[in-house]
Amino acid sequence: MTKEQINIINSIISETLPISQKSIDEFTDLITIKTFSKGTHFIQKNKTNNLEYFLLSGICRSYVPNYNGDLISISFFQEKSVITPHVIRTTDQKSSLDFETLTDCEIATVNATDLLDLMIKNIEIRTFANTVLQRELILKVNKEISMASFNGKNRILELRRVYPNLENFIPHEMIASYLGLTTISLSRLRKEISLS
């Protein structure tokens, strides 16, 4: 790992929950760095995947096909973030979601079993992992609330708060599917917001 990659990993950890350098070192000993080009499906629905992922650079998303075969964006991930934990995205040892890179990405991976073993031995790592799970749950609940109670315009504003500048980097049909809007409605509402 390069010094820059280690610094990014340290930043991801400390922004989630500050822990000792000893625990960070134990954690980084488990990491493998992978690079993926834009459009790579690095986690596939109904396939076994036993890794945890930390996005160092780039943008990716999770999605599912709906009953018509349209791809519905579930979450977006921007650089310096934790990708949905293994325990949340997996059922019966198989992924419940697809994940793809929307730009070239550099991702740190950790074997989920090795991380679980470390969590058993190291209370700081366990607390860090539980904080990641708690944040993921909060994101999911907040999205459910916005989908159920916000109009289209407020959903866009919430997307901008949660994912700053995302609209400038990815196809708008992916954003529209995330927001439960058509691309035409998204375009119209974005114009309304820019004029207000």
N, C-alpha and C. Protein backbone atom coordinates (compact mmCIF):
# COMPACT_ATOMS: atom_id res chain seq x y z
N MET A 1 0.84 -1.18 0.00
CA MET A 1 0.00 0.00 0.00
C MET A 1 0.89 1.24 0.00
N THR A 2 0.42 2.25 -0.73
CA THR A 2 1.16 3.50 -0.74
C THR A 2 0.81 4.31 0.51
N LYS A 3 1.62 5.30 0.79
CA LYS A 3 1.36 6.19 1.94
C LYS A 3 0.03 6.92 1.75
N GLU A 4 -0.26 7.33 0.52
CA GLU A 4 -1.53 8.02 0.24
C GLU A 4 -2.72 7.10 0.52
N GLN A 5 -2.64 5.84 0.09
CA GLN A 5 -3.72 4.89 0.35
C GLN A 5 -3.92 4.67 1.84
N ILE A 6 -2.83 4.55 2.58
CA ILE A 6 -2.91 4.39 4.04
C ILE A 6 -3.56 5.62 4.68
N ASN A 7 -3.19 6.81 4.19
CA ASN A 7 -3.78 8.04 4.72
C ASN A 7 -5.29 8.10 4.46
N ILE A 8 -5.71 7.66 3.28
CA ILE A 8 -7.15 7.65 2.97
C ILE A 8 -7.88 6.67 3.88
N ILE A 9 -7.32 5.48 4.07
CA ILE A 9 -7.93 4.49 4.96
C ILE A 9 -8.01 5.04 6.39
N ASN A 10 -6.93 5.66 6.84
CA ASN A 10 -6.94 6.29 8.18
C ASN A 10 -8.04 7.33 8.27
N SER A 11 -8.21 8.10 7.20
CA SER A 11 -9.24 9.15 7.16
C SER A 11 -10.64 8.54 7.24
N ILE A 12 -10.89 7.48 6.47
CA ILE A 12 -12.19 6.80 6.50
C ILE A 12 -12.49 6.31 7.92
N ILE A 13 -11.49 5.69 8.55
CA ILE A 13 -11.68 5.16 9.90
C ILE A 13 -11.91 6.28 10.90
N SER A 14 -11.06 7.30 10.87
CA SER A 14 -11.17 8.36 11.88
C SER A 14 -12.43 9.19 11.72
N GLU A 15 -12.94 9.33 10.48
CA GLU A 15 -14.19 10.06 10.29
C GLU A 15 -15.39 9.23 10.75
N THR A 16 -15.22 7.92 10.81
CA THR A 16 -16.29 7.04 11.30
C THR A 16 -16.23 6.96 12.83
N LEU A 17 -15.04 6.63 13.32
CA LEU A 17 -14.83 6.50 14.76
C LEU A 17 -13.33 6.47 15.02
N PRO A 18 -12.80 7.49 15.69
CA PRO A 18 -11.36 7.48 15.97
C PRO A 18 -10.96 6.27 16.82
N ILE A 19 -9.91 5.57 16.38
CA ILE A 19 -9.38 4.42 17.12
C ILE A 19 -7.86 4.55 17.18
N SER A 20 -7.23 3.73 17.99
CA SER A 20 -5.78 3.81 18.19
C SER A 20 -5.03 3.41 16.93
N GLN A 21 -3.80 3.89 16.83
CA GLN A 21 -2.96 3.54 15.69
C GLN A 21 -2.68 2.04 15.66
N LYS A 22 -2.57 1.43 16.84
CA LYS A 22 -2.34 -0.02 16.91
C LYS A 22 -3.49 -0.76 16.23
N SER A 23 -4.73 -0.35 16.51
CA SER A 23 -5.89 -1.00 15.90
C SER A 23 -5.95 -0.72 14.41
N ILE A 24 -5.63 0.50 14.01
CA ILE A 24 -5.59 0.83 12.58
C ILE A 24 -4.57 -0.05 11.87
N ASP A 25 -3.41 -0.23 12.48
CA ASP A 25 -2.36 -1.07 11.88
C ASP A 25 -2.83 -2.53 11.75
N GLU A 26 -3.51 -3.04 12.77
CA GLU A 26 -4.04 -4.40 12.69
C GLU A 26 -5.05 -4.52 11.56
N PHE A 27 -5.87 -3.49 11.41
CA PHE A 27 -6.88 -3.48 10.35
C PHE A 27 -6.21 -3.39 8.97
N THR A 28 -5.29 -2.47 8.81
CA THR A 28 -4.67 -2.29 7.48
C THR A 28 -3.83 -3.50 7.06
N ASP A 29 -3.39 -4.30 8.03
CA ASP A 29 -2.66 -5.53 7.68
C ASP A 29 -3.55 -6.50 6.90
N LEU A 30 -4.87 -6.36 7.03
CA LEU A 30 -5.81 -7.26 6.35
C LEU A 30 -6.19 -6.78 4.95
N ILE A 31 -5.78 -5.57 4.59
CA ILE A 31 -6.28 -4.92 3.37
C ILE A 31 -5.51 -5.33 2.12
N THR A 32 -6.28 -5.48 1.05
CA THR A 32 -5.75 -5.62 -0.31
C THR A 32 -6.36 -4.49 -1.13
N ILE A 33 -5.54 -3.83 -1.93
CA ILE A 33 -6.02 -2.73 -2.78
C ILE A 33 -6.33 -3.29 -4.16
N LYS A 34 -7.51 -2.90 -4.68
CA LYS A 34 -7.90 -3.30 -6.03
C LYS A 34 -8.30 -2.06 -6.82
N THR A 35 -8.02 -2.07 -8.10
CA THR A 35 -8.47 -0.99 -8.98
C THR A 35 -9.45 -1.58 -9.97
N PHE A 36 -10.53 -0.83 -10.21
CA PHE A 36 -11.58 -1.27 -11.12
C PHE A 36 -11.83 -0.15 -12.12
N SER A 37 -11.97 -0.51 -13.37
CA SER A 37 -12.31 0.50 -14.37
C SER A 37 -13.81 0.77 -14.35
N LYS A 38 -14.19 1.90 -14.89
CA LYS A 38 -15.59 2.30 -14.96
C LYS A 38 -16.42 1.19 -15.59
N GLY A 39 -17.58 0.92 -14.99
CA GLY A 39 -18.48 -0.10 -15.54
C GLY A 39 -18.22 -1.51 -15.04
N THR A 40 -17.33 -1.68 -14.07
CA THR A 40 -17.04 -3.01 -13.53
C THR A 40 -18.09 -3.39 -12.49
N HIS A 41 -18.64 -4.59 -12.61
CA HIS A 41 -19.58 -5.12 -11.62
C HIS A 41 -18.75 -5.93 -10.63
N PHE A 42 -18.42 -5.32 -9.50
CA PHE A 42 -17.49 -5.96 -8.58
C PHE A 42 -18.19 -6.78 -7.50
N ILE A 43 -19.48 -6.61 -7.34
CA ILE A 43 -20.31 -7.50 -6.52
C ILE A 43 -21.53 -7.83 -7.37
N GLN A 44 -21.83 -9.11 -7.51
CA GLN A 44 -22.95 -9.50 -8.36
C GLN A 44 -24.02 -10.20 -7.54
N LYS A 45 -25.26 -9.79 -7.81
CA LYS A 45 -26.41 -10.37 -7.12
C LYS A 45 -26.43 -11.88 -7.31
N ASN A 46 -26.77 -12.60 -6.25
CA ASN A 46 -26.87 -14.06 -6.22
C ASN A 46 -25.53 -14.77 -6.38
N LYS A 47 -24.44 -14.04 -6.21
CA LYS A 47 -23.10 -14.64 -6.24
C LYS A 47 -22.47 -14.52 -4.86
N THR A 48 -21.64 -15.47 -4.51
CA THR A 48 -20.93 -15.43 -3.24
C THR A 48 -19.86 -14.35 -3.30
N ASN A 49 -19.79 -13.54 -2.24
CA ASN A 49 -18.77 -12.51 -2.13
C ASN A 49 -18.50 -12.31 -0.65
N ASN A 50 -17.29 -12.61 -0.21
CA ASN A 50 -16.96 -12.56 1.21
C ASN A 50 -15.98 -11.43 1.52
N LEU A 51 -16.20 -10.27 0.90
CA LEU A 51 -15.30 -9.14 1.13
C LEU A 51 -16.05 -7.94 1.69
N GLU A 52 -15.32 -7.14 2.45
CA GLU A 52 -15.75 -5.81 2.85
C GLU A 52 -15.02 -4.84 1.94
N TYR A 53 -15.65 -3.69 1.63
CA TYR A 53 -15.09 -2.75 0.67
C TYR A 53 -15.04 -1.33 1.25
N PHE A 54 -13.93 -0.66 0.97
CA PHE A 54 -13.73 0.73 1.37
C PHE A 54 -13.30 1.49 0.12
N LEU A 55 -14.13 2.43 -0.30
CA LEU A 55 -13.90 3.16 -1.55
C LEU A 55 -12.89 4.28 -1.30
N LEU A 56 -11.71 4.13 -1.88
CA LEU A 56 -10.66 5.13 -1.71
C LEU A 56 -10.85 6.29 -2.68
N SER A 57 -11.16 5.96 -3.93
CA SER A 57 -11.41 7.00 -4.93
C SER A 57 -12.43 6.50 -5.94
N GLY A 58 -13.17 7.46 -6.51
CA GLY A 58 -14.16 7.13 -7.52
C GLY A 58 -15.58 7.16 -6.98
N ILE A 59 -16.50 6.69 -7.82
CA ILE A 59 -17.93 6.65 -7.49
C ILE A 59 -18.47 5.29 -7.92
N CYS A 60 -19.30 4.70 -7.08
CA CYS A 60 -19.97 3.45 -7.45
C CYS A 60 -21.39 3.46 -6.89
N ARG A 61 -22.15 2.46 -7.27
CA ARG A 61 -23.52 2.36 -6.79
C ARG A 61 -23.90 0.91 -6.55
N SER A 62 -24.97 0.74 -5.75
CA SER A 62 -25.63 -0.55 -5.64
C SER A 62 -26.96 -0.40 -6.36
N TYR A 63 -27.44 -1.50 -6.93
CA TYR A 63 -28.71 -1.45 -7.67
C TYR A 63 -29.34 -2.84 -7.73
N VAL A 64 -30.61 -2.85 -8.10
CA VAL A 64 -31.34 -4.09 -8.36
C VAL A 64 -32.19 -3.89 -9.60
N PRO A 65 -32.42 -4.96 -10.37
CA PRO A 65 -33.38 -4.85 -11.48
C PRO A 65 -34.80 -4.94 -10.92
N ASN A 66 -35.71 -4.14 -11.48
CA ASN A 66 -37.11 -4.24 -11.05
C ASN A 66 -37.85 -5.28 -11.90
N TYR A 67 -39.14 -5.38 -11.74
CA TYR A 67 -39.95 -6.38 -12.45
C TYR A 67 -39.92 -6.20 -13.96
N ASN A 68 -39.60 -4.98 -14.46
CA ASN A 68 -39.49 -4.73 -15.90
C ASN A 68 -38.07 -4.90 -16.42
N GLY A 69 -37.13 -5.17 -15.52
CA GLY A 69 -35.73 -5.27 -15.92
C GLY A 69 -34.99 -3.94 -15.88
N ASP A 70 -35.68 -2.85 -15.45
CA ASP A 70 -35.01 -1.56 -15.28
C ASP A 70 -34.10 -1.65 -14.06
N LEU A 71 -32.94 -1.01 -14.14
CA LEU A 71 -31.99 -1.03 -13.04
C LEU A 71 -32.29 0.12 -12.09
N ILE A 72 -32.61 -0.22 -10.85
CA ILE A 72 -32.99 0.77 -9.85
C ILE A 72 -31.83 0.98 -8.88
N SER A 73 -31.32 2.21 -8.84
CA SER A 73 -30.21 2.54 -7.93
C SER A 73 -30.71 2.51 -6.49
N ILE A 74 -29.97 1.82 -5.64
CA ILE A 74 -30.31 1.72 -4.22
C ILE A 74 -29.47 2.71 -3.40
N SER A 75 -28.16 2.73 -3.65
CA SER A 75 -27.24 3.62 -2.93
C SER A 75 -26.12 4.06 -3.86
N PHE A 76 -25.54 5.19 -3.51
CA PHE A 76 -24.34 5.67 -4.19
C PHE A 76 -23.22 5.77 -3.17
N PHE A 77 -21.99 5.64 -3.65
CA PHE A 77 -20.82 5.73 -2.78
C PHE A 77 -19.79 6.61 -3.48
N GLN A 78 -19.29 7.59 -2.73
CA GLN A 78 -18.28 8.49 -3.25
C GLN A 78 -16.97 8.23 -2.51
N GLU A 79 -15.89 8.77 -3.05
CA GLU A 79 -14.57 8.49 -2.48
C GLU A 79 -14.52 8.69 -0.97
N LYS A 80 -13.62 7.93 -0.36
CA LYS A 80 -13.40 7.96 1.09
C LYS A 80 -14.65 7.53 1.86
N SER A 81 -15.23 6.40 1.44
CA SER A 81 -16.43 5.92 2.14
C SER A 81 -16.41 4.40 2.27
N VAL A 82 -17.25 3.91 3.17
CA VAL A 82 -17.42 2.47 3.37
C VAL A 82 -18.60 2.02 2.52
N ILE A 83 -18.39 0.98 1.76
CA ILE A 83 -19.47 0.42 0.93
C ILE A 83 -20.30 -0.52 1.81
N THR A 84 -21.58 -0.62 1.52
CA THR A 84 -22.51 -1.41 2.32
C THR A 84 -21.85 -2.69 2.87
N PRO A 85 -21.86 -2.84 4.20
CA PRO A 85 -21.20 -4.00 4.81
C PRO A 85 -21.76 -5.35 4.35
N HIS A 86 -20.88 -6.33 4.35
CA HIS A 86 -21.19 -7.70 3.92
C HIS A 86 -22.45 -8.23 4.61
N VAL A 87 -22.55 -8.07 5.90
CA VAL A 87 -23.68 -8.64 6.66
C VAL A 87 -25.01 -8.04 6.21
N ILE A 88 -25.03 -6.81 5.73
CA ILE A 88 -26.26 -6.17 5.29
C ILE A 88 -26.63 -6.56 3.86
N ARG A 89 -25.64 -6.73 3.00
CA ARG A 89 -25.92 -6.97 1.58
C ARG A 89 -25.95 -8.44 1.21
N THR A 90 -25.89 -9.34 2.19
CA THR A 90 -25.77 -10.77 1.92
C THR A 90 -26.90 -11.56 2.59
N THR A 91 -27.46 -12.49 1.84
CA THR A 91 -28.46 -13.42 2.36
C THR A 91 -28.04 -14.82 1.92
N ASP A 92 -27.97 -15.74 2.87
CA ASP A 92 -27.56 -17.12 2.57
C ASP A 92 -26.24 -17.16 1.78
N GLN A 93 -25.27 -16.36 2.21
CA GLN A 93 -23.93 -16.30 1.63
C GLN A 93 -23.87 -15.73 0.21
N LYS A 94 -24.99 -15.20 -0.29
CA LYS A 94 -25.02 -14.63 -1.64
C LYS A 94 -25.44 -13.16 -1.57
N SER A 95 -24.89 -12.37 -2.47
CA SER A 95 -25.21 -10.94 -2.49
C SER A 95 -26.67 -10.71 -2.88
N SER A 96 -27.31 -9.79 -2.20
CA SER A 96 -28.70 -9.41 -2.51
C SER A 96 -28.76 -8.27 -3.51
N LEU A 97 -27.61 -7.66 -3.79
CA LEU A 97 -27.53 -6.48 -4.66
C LEU A 97 -26.40 -6.63 -5.65
N ASP A 98 -26.49 -5.84 -6.73
CA ASP A 98 -25.37 -5.68 -7.65
C ASP A 98 -24.67 -4.37 -7.29
N PHE A 99 -23.36 -4.33 -7.47
CA PHE A 99 -22.57 -3.11 -7.26
C PHE A 99 -21.71 -2.90 -8.50
N GLU A 100 -21.69 -1.66 -8.99
CA GLU A 100 -20.87 -1.35 -10.15
C GLU A 100 -20.16 -0.02 -9.96
N THR A 101 -19.01 0.08 -10.61
CA THR A 101 -18.26 1.33 -10.59
C THR A 101 -18.83 2.26 -11.66
N LEU A 102 -19.02 3.52 -11.29
CA LEU A 102 -19.53 4.52 -12.23
C LEU A 102 -18.40 5.39 -12.77
N THR A 103 -17.24 5.29 -12.15
CA THR A 103 -16.00 5.91 -12.62
C THR A 103 -14.90 4.88 -12.36
N ASP A 104 -13.69 5.15 -12.78
CA ASP A 104 -12.59 4.31 -12.35
C ASP A 104 -12.51 4.42 -10.82
N CYS A 105 -12.28 3.29 -10.15
CA CYS A 105 -12.28 3.28 -8.68
C CYS A 105 -11.07 2.54 -8.13
N GLU A 106 -10.63 3.01 -6.99
CA GLU A 106 -9.62 2.31 -6.21
C GLU A 106 -10.30 1.91 -4.90
N ILE A 107 -10.28 0.62 -4.61
CA ILE A 107 -11.04 0.08 -3.49
C ILE A 107 -10.14 -0.79 -2.61
N ALA A 108 -10.21 -0.56 -1.30
CA ALA A 108 -9.54 -1.42 -0.34
C ALA A 108 -10.51 -2.53 0.04
N THR A 109 -10.04 -3.76 0.02
CA THR A 109 -10.90 -4.89 0.38
C THR A 109 -10.32 -5.61 1.60
N VAL A 110 -11.22 -6.19 2.37
CA VAL A 110 -10.85 -7.00 3.54
C VAL A 110 -11.74 -8.23 3.53
N ASN A 111 -11.15 -9.38 3.74
CA ASN A 111 -11.93 -10.60 3.85
C ASN A 111 -12.86 -10.47 5.07
N ALA A 112 -14.16 -10.67 4.86
CA ALA A 112 -15.15 -10.46 5.93
C ALA A 112 -14.93 -11.40 7.11
N THR A 113 -14.49 -12.62 6.85
CA THR A 113 -14.22 -13.57 7.94
C THR A 113 -13.02 -13.11 8.76
N ASP A 114 -11.98 -12.63 8.09
CA ASP A 114 -10.80 -12.12 8.80
C ASP A 114 -11.16 -10.90 9.63
N LEU A 115 -12.01 -10.04 9.09
CA LEU A 115 -12.44 -8.86 9.85
C LEU A 115 -13.25 -9.28 11.06
N LEU A 116 -14.12 -10.25 10.90
CA LEU A 116 -14.91 -10.75 12.03
C LEU A 116 -13.99 -11.30 13.12
N ASP A 117 -12.96 -12.05 12.73
CA ASP A 117 -12.00 -12.57 13.70
C ASP A 117 -11.30 -11.44 14.45
N LEU A 118 -10.93 -10.39 13.71
CA LEU A 118 -10.28 -9.24 14.34
C LEU A 118 -11.25 -8.52 15.28
N MET A 119 -12.51 -8.43 14.89
CA MET A 119 -13.52 -7.78 15.75
C MET A 119 -13.67 -8.51 17.07
N ILE A 120 -13.56 -9.83 17.05
CA ILE A 120 -13.66 -10.62 18.28
C ILE A 120 -12.49 -10.31 19.21
N LYS A 121 -11.31 -10.10 18.64
CA LYS A 121 -10.10 -9.87 19.44
C LYS A 121 -9.91 -8.41 19.83
N ASN A 122 -10.45 -7.48 19.04
CA ASN A 122 -10.14 -6.07 19.23
C ASN A 122 -11.42 -5.25 19.39
N ILE A 123 -11.65 -4.75 20.60
CA ILE A 123 -12.88 -4.01 20.91
C ILE A 123 -13.00 -2.74 20.07
N GLU A 124 -11.87 -2.09 19.77
CA GLU A 124 -11.94 -0.86 18.96
C GLU A 124 -12.43 -1.17 17.54
N ILE A 125 -11.95 -2.24 16.97
CA ILE A 125 -12.37 -2.63 15.62
C ILE A 125 -13.84 -3.04 15.65
N ARG A 126 -14.25 -3.75 16.71
CA ARG A 126 -15.65 -4.14 16.85
C ARG A 126 -16.55 -2.90 16.95
N THR A 127 -16.12 -1.92 17.73
CA THR A 127 -16.90 -0.69 17.88
C THR A 127 -16.95 0.08 16.57
N PHE A 128 -15.82 0.12 15.85
CA PHE A 128 -15.78 0.76 14.54
C PHE A 128 -16.78 0.08 13.60
N ALA A 129 -16.75 -1.24 13.52
CA ALA A 129 -17.65 -1.98 12.63
C ALA A 129 -19.11 -1.76 13.01
N ASN A 130 -19.40 -1.74 14.30
CA ASN A 130 -20.78 -1.49 14.73
C ASN A 130 -21.23 -0.08 14.38
N THR A 131 -20.31 0.88 14.44
CA THR A 131 -20.62 2.26 14.05
C THR A 131 -20.92 2.32 12.55
N VAL A 132 -20.16 1.59 11.74
CA VAL A 132 -20.42 1.52 10.30
C VAL A 132 -21.82 0.96 10.05
N LEU A 133 -22.18 -0.11 10.74
CA LEU A 133 -23.51 -0.70 10.58
C LEU A 133 -24.60 0.27 11.00
N GLN A 134 -24.38 0.96 12.10
CA GLN A 134 -25.37 1.94 12.58
C GLN A 134 -25.55 3.06 11.56
N ARG A 135 -24.48 3.58 11.00
CA ARG A 135 -24.58 4.64 9.98
C ARG A 135 -25.30 4.15 8.74
N GLU A 136 -25.03 2.92 8.34
CA GLU A 136 -25.71 2.36 7.17
C GLU A 136 -27.21 2.27 7.42
N LEU A 137 -27.58 1.83 8.60
CA LEU A 137 -28.99 1.73 8.96
C LEU A 137 -29.66 3.11 8.95
N ILE A 138 -28.98 4.10 9.49
CA ILE A 138 -29.52 5.47 9.51
C ILE A 138 -29.73 5.98 8.09
N LEU A 139 -28.75 5.75 7.21
CA LEU A 139 -28.90 6.15 5.79
C LEU A 139 -30.11 5.50 5.15
N LYS A 140 -30.28 4.21 5.39
CA LYS A 140 -31.41 3.48 4.79
C LYS A 140 -32.75 4.00 5.32
N VAL A 141 -32.83 4.23 6.61
CA VAL A 141 -34.09 4.73 7.19
C VAL A 141 -34.38 6.13 6.67
N ASN A 142 -33.37 6.98 6.61
CA ASN A 142 -33.58 8.34 6.10
C ASN A 142 -34.03 8.32 4.64
N LYS A 143 -33.49 7.40 3.84
CA LYS A 143 -33.94 7.30 2.45
C LYS A 143 -35.40 6.84 2.41
N GLU A 144 -35.76 5.87 3.22
CA GLU A 144 -37.15 5.42 3.26
C GLU A 144 -38.09 6.56 3.64
N ILE A 145 -37.68 7.35 4.61
CA ILE A 145 -38.51 8.48 5.04
C ILE A 145 -38.67 9.49 3.90
N SER A 146 -37.57 9.81 3.23
CA SER A 146 -37.66 10.79 2.15
C SER A 146 -38.49 10.26 0.99
N MET A 147 -38.37 8.98 0.68
CA MET A 147 -39.16 8.40 -0.42
C MET A 147 -40.65 8.39 -0.07
N ALA A 148 -40.95 8.17 1.19
CA ALA A 148 -42.35 8.08 1.60
C ALA A 148 -43.00 9.44 1.83
N SER A 149 -42.21 10.44 2.23
CA SER A 149 -42.84 11.69 2.66
C SER A 149 -42.41 12.95 1.91
N PHE A 150 -41.37 12.89 1.10
CA PHE A 150 -40.90 14.08 0.39
C PHE A 150 -41.46 14.10 -1.03
N ASN A 151 -41.74 15.31 -1.52
CA ASN A 151 -42.08 15.43 -2.94
C ASN A 151 -40.78 15.33 -3.75
N GLY A 152 -40.90 15.27 -5.06
CA GLY A 152 -39.75 15.10 -5.93
C GLY A 152 -38.67 16.16 -5.73
N LYS A 153 -39.09 17.40 -5.60
CA LYS A 153 -38.14 18.51 -5.43
C LYS A 153 -37.33 18.32 -4.14
N ASN A 154 -37.99 17.97 -3.06
CA ASN A 154 -37.29 17.78 -1.79
C ASN A 154 -36.41 16.52 -1.79
N ARG A 155 -36.81 15.52 -2.57
CA ARG A 155 -35.94 14.33 -2.71
C ARG A 155 -34.63 14.72 -3.39
N ILE A 156 -34.71 15.56 -4.41
CA ILE A 156 -33.50 16.04 -5.09
C ILE A 156 -32.62 16.82 -4.12
N LEU A 157 -33.22 17.70 -3.35
CA LEU A 157 -32.46 18.49 -2.38
C LEU A 157 -31.80 17.60 -1.33
N GLU A 158 -32.50 16.55 -0.91
CA GLU A 158 -31.92 15.61 0.05
C GLU A 158 -30.77 14.83 -0.58
N LEU A 159 -30.93 14.42 -1.84
CA LEU A 159 -29.85 13.74 -2.56
C LEU A 159 -28.61 14.64 -2.60
N ARG A 160 -28.79 15.91 -2.87
CA ARG A 160 -27.67 16.85 -2.93
C ARG A 160 -27.01 17.01 -1.56
N ARG A 161 -27.80 16.93 -0.51
CA ARG A 161 -27.21 17.03 0.83
C ARG A 161 -26.39 15.79 1.16
N VAL A 162 -26.93 14.63 0.84
CA VAL A 162 -26.26 13.37 1.19
C VAL A 162 -25.09 13.06 0.24
N TYR A 163 -25.27 13.37 -1.04
CA TYR A 163 -24.25 13.08 -2.06
C TYR A 163 -23.88 14.35 -2.81
N PRO A 164 -23.11 15.24 -2.20
CA PRO A 164 -22.77 16.52 -2.85
C PRO A 164 -22.11 16.31 -4.22
N ASN A 165 -22.58 17.08 -5.18
CA ASN A 165 -22.02 17.12 -6.55
C ASN A 165 -22.19 15.83 -7.35
N LEU A 166 -22.88 14.85 -6.83
CA LEU A 166 -23.03 13.57 -7.54
C LEU A 166 -23.65 13.77 -8.92
N GLU A 167 -24.61 14.68 -9.01
CA GLU A 167 -25.32 14.91 -10.28
C GLU A 167 -24.37 15.30 -11.42
N ASN A 168 -23.22 15.86 -11.07
CA ASN A 168 -22.27 16.32 -12.08
C ASN A 168 -21.42 15.19 -12.66
N PHE A 169 -21.49 14.00 -12.06
CA PHE A 169 -20.55 12.95 -12.45
C PHE A 169 -21.17 11.66 -12.97
N ILE A 170 -22.46 11.47 -12.78
CA ILE A 170 -23.05 10.20 -13.20
C ILE A 170 -24.30 10.43 -14.05
N PRO A 171 -24.71 9.43 -14.83
CA PRO A 171 -25.90 9.58 -15.67
C PRO A 171 -27.15 9.87 -14.84
N HIS A 172 -27.95 10.80 -15.33
CA HIS A 172 -29.13 11.22 -14.57
C HIS A 172 -30.20 10.15 -14.47
N GLU A 173 -30.21 9.18 -15.40
CA GLU A 173 -31.21 8.11 -15.26
C GLU A 173 -30.94 7.27 -14.01
N MET A 174 -29.67 7.18 -13.59
CA MET A 174 -29.34 6.45 -12.36
C MET A 174 -29.86 7.21 -11.14
N ILE A 175 -29.75 8.53 -11.18
CA ILE A 175 -30.26 9.37 -10.10
C ILE A 175 -31.78 9.32 -10.07
N ALA A 176 -32.41 9.40 -11.25
CA ALA A 176 -33.87 9.35 -11.32
C ALA A 176 -34.39 8.06 -10.71
N SER A 177 -33.75 6.93 -11.02
CA SER A 177 -34.22 5.65 -10.48
C SER A 177 -34.05 5.62 -8.95
N TYR A 178 -32.98 6.21 -8.45
CA TYR A 178 -32.75 6.28 -7.00
C TYR A 178 -33.86 7.09 -6.32
N LEU A 179 -34.28 8.17 -6.98
CA LEU A 179 -35.27 9.08 -6.41
C LEU A 179 -36.72 8.64 -6.67
N GLY A 180 -36.91 7.60 -7.48
CA GLY A 180 -38.26 7.16 -7.81
C GLY A 180 -38.94 8.11 -8.79
N LEU A 181 -38.15 8.74 -9.65
CA LEU A 181 -38.66 9.70 -10.63
C LEU A 181 -38.35 9.23 -12.04
N THR A 182 -39.07 9.77 -13.01
CA THR A 182 -38.67 9.56 -14.40
C THR A 182 -37.55 10.55 -14.71
N THR A 183 -36.79 10.27 -15.75
CA THR A 183 -35.72 11.21 -16.13
C THR A 183 -36.31 12.56 -16.55
N ILE A 184 -37.50 12.54 -17.16
CA ILE A 184 -38.15 13.80 -17.56
C ILE A 184 -38.53 14.62 -16.33
N SER A 185 -39.11 13.98 -15.32
CA SER A 185 -39.46 14.68 -14.08
C SER A 185 -38.22 15.22 -13.38
N LEU A 186 -37.17 14.41 -13.35
CA LEU A 186 -35.92 14.86 -12.73
C LEU A 186 -35.40 16.11 -13.42
N SER A 187 -35.38 16.10 -14.74
CA SER A 187 -34.90 17.25 -15.50
C SER A 187 -35.74 18.49 -15.22
N ARG A 188 -37.06 18.33 -15.21
CA ARG A 188 -37.97 19.46 -14.95
C ARG A 188 -37.76 20.01 -13.54
N LEU A 189 -37.66 19.13 -12.56
CA LEU A 189 -37.49 19.57 -11.17
C LEU A 189 -36.12 20.22 -10.94
N ARG A 190 -35.08 19.71 -11.59
CA ARG A 190 -33.75 20.33 -11.47
C ARG A 190 -33.80 21.75 -12.04
N LYS A 191 -34.53 21.93 -13.13
CA LYS A 191 -34.65 23.27 -13.72
C LYS A 191 -35.40 24.19 -12.78
N GLU A 192 -36.50 23.69 -12.19
CA GLU A 192 -37.26 24.49 -11.22
C GLU A 192 -36.39 24.92 -10.05
N ILE A 193 -35.59 23.99 -9.54
CA ILE A 193 -34.71 24.31 -8.41
C ILE A 193 -33.68 25.34 -8.79
N SER A 194 -33.13 25.22 -9.99
CA SER A 194 -32.09 26.19 -10.40
C SER A 194 -32.66 27.58 -10.60
N LEU A 195 -33.95 27.68 -10.92
CA LEU A 195 -34.58 28.99 -11.13
C LEU A 195 -35.07 29.62 -9.83
N SER A 196 -35.17 28.81 -8.77
CA SER A 196 -35.71 29.35 -7.50
C SER A 196 -34.61 29.87 -6.60
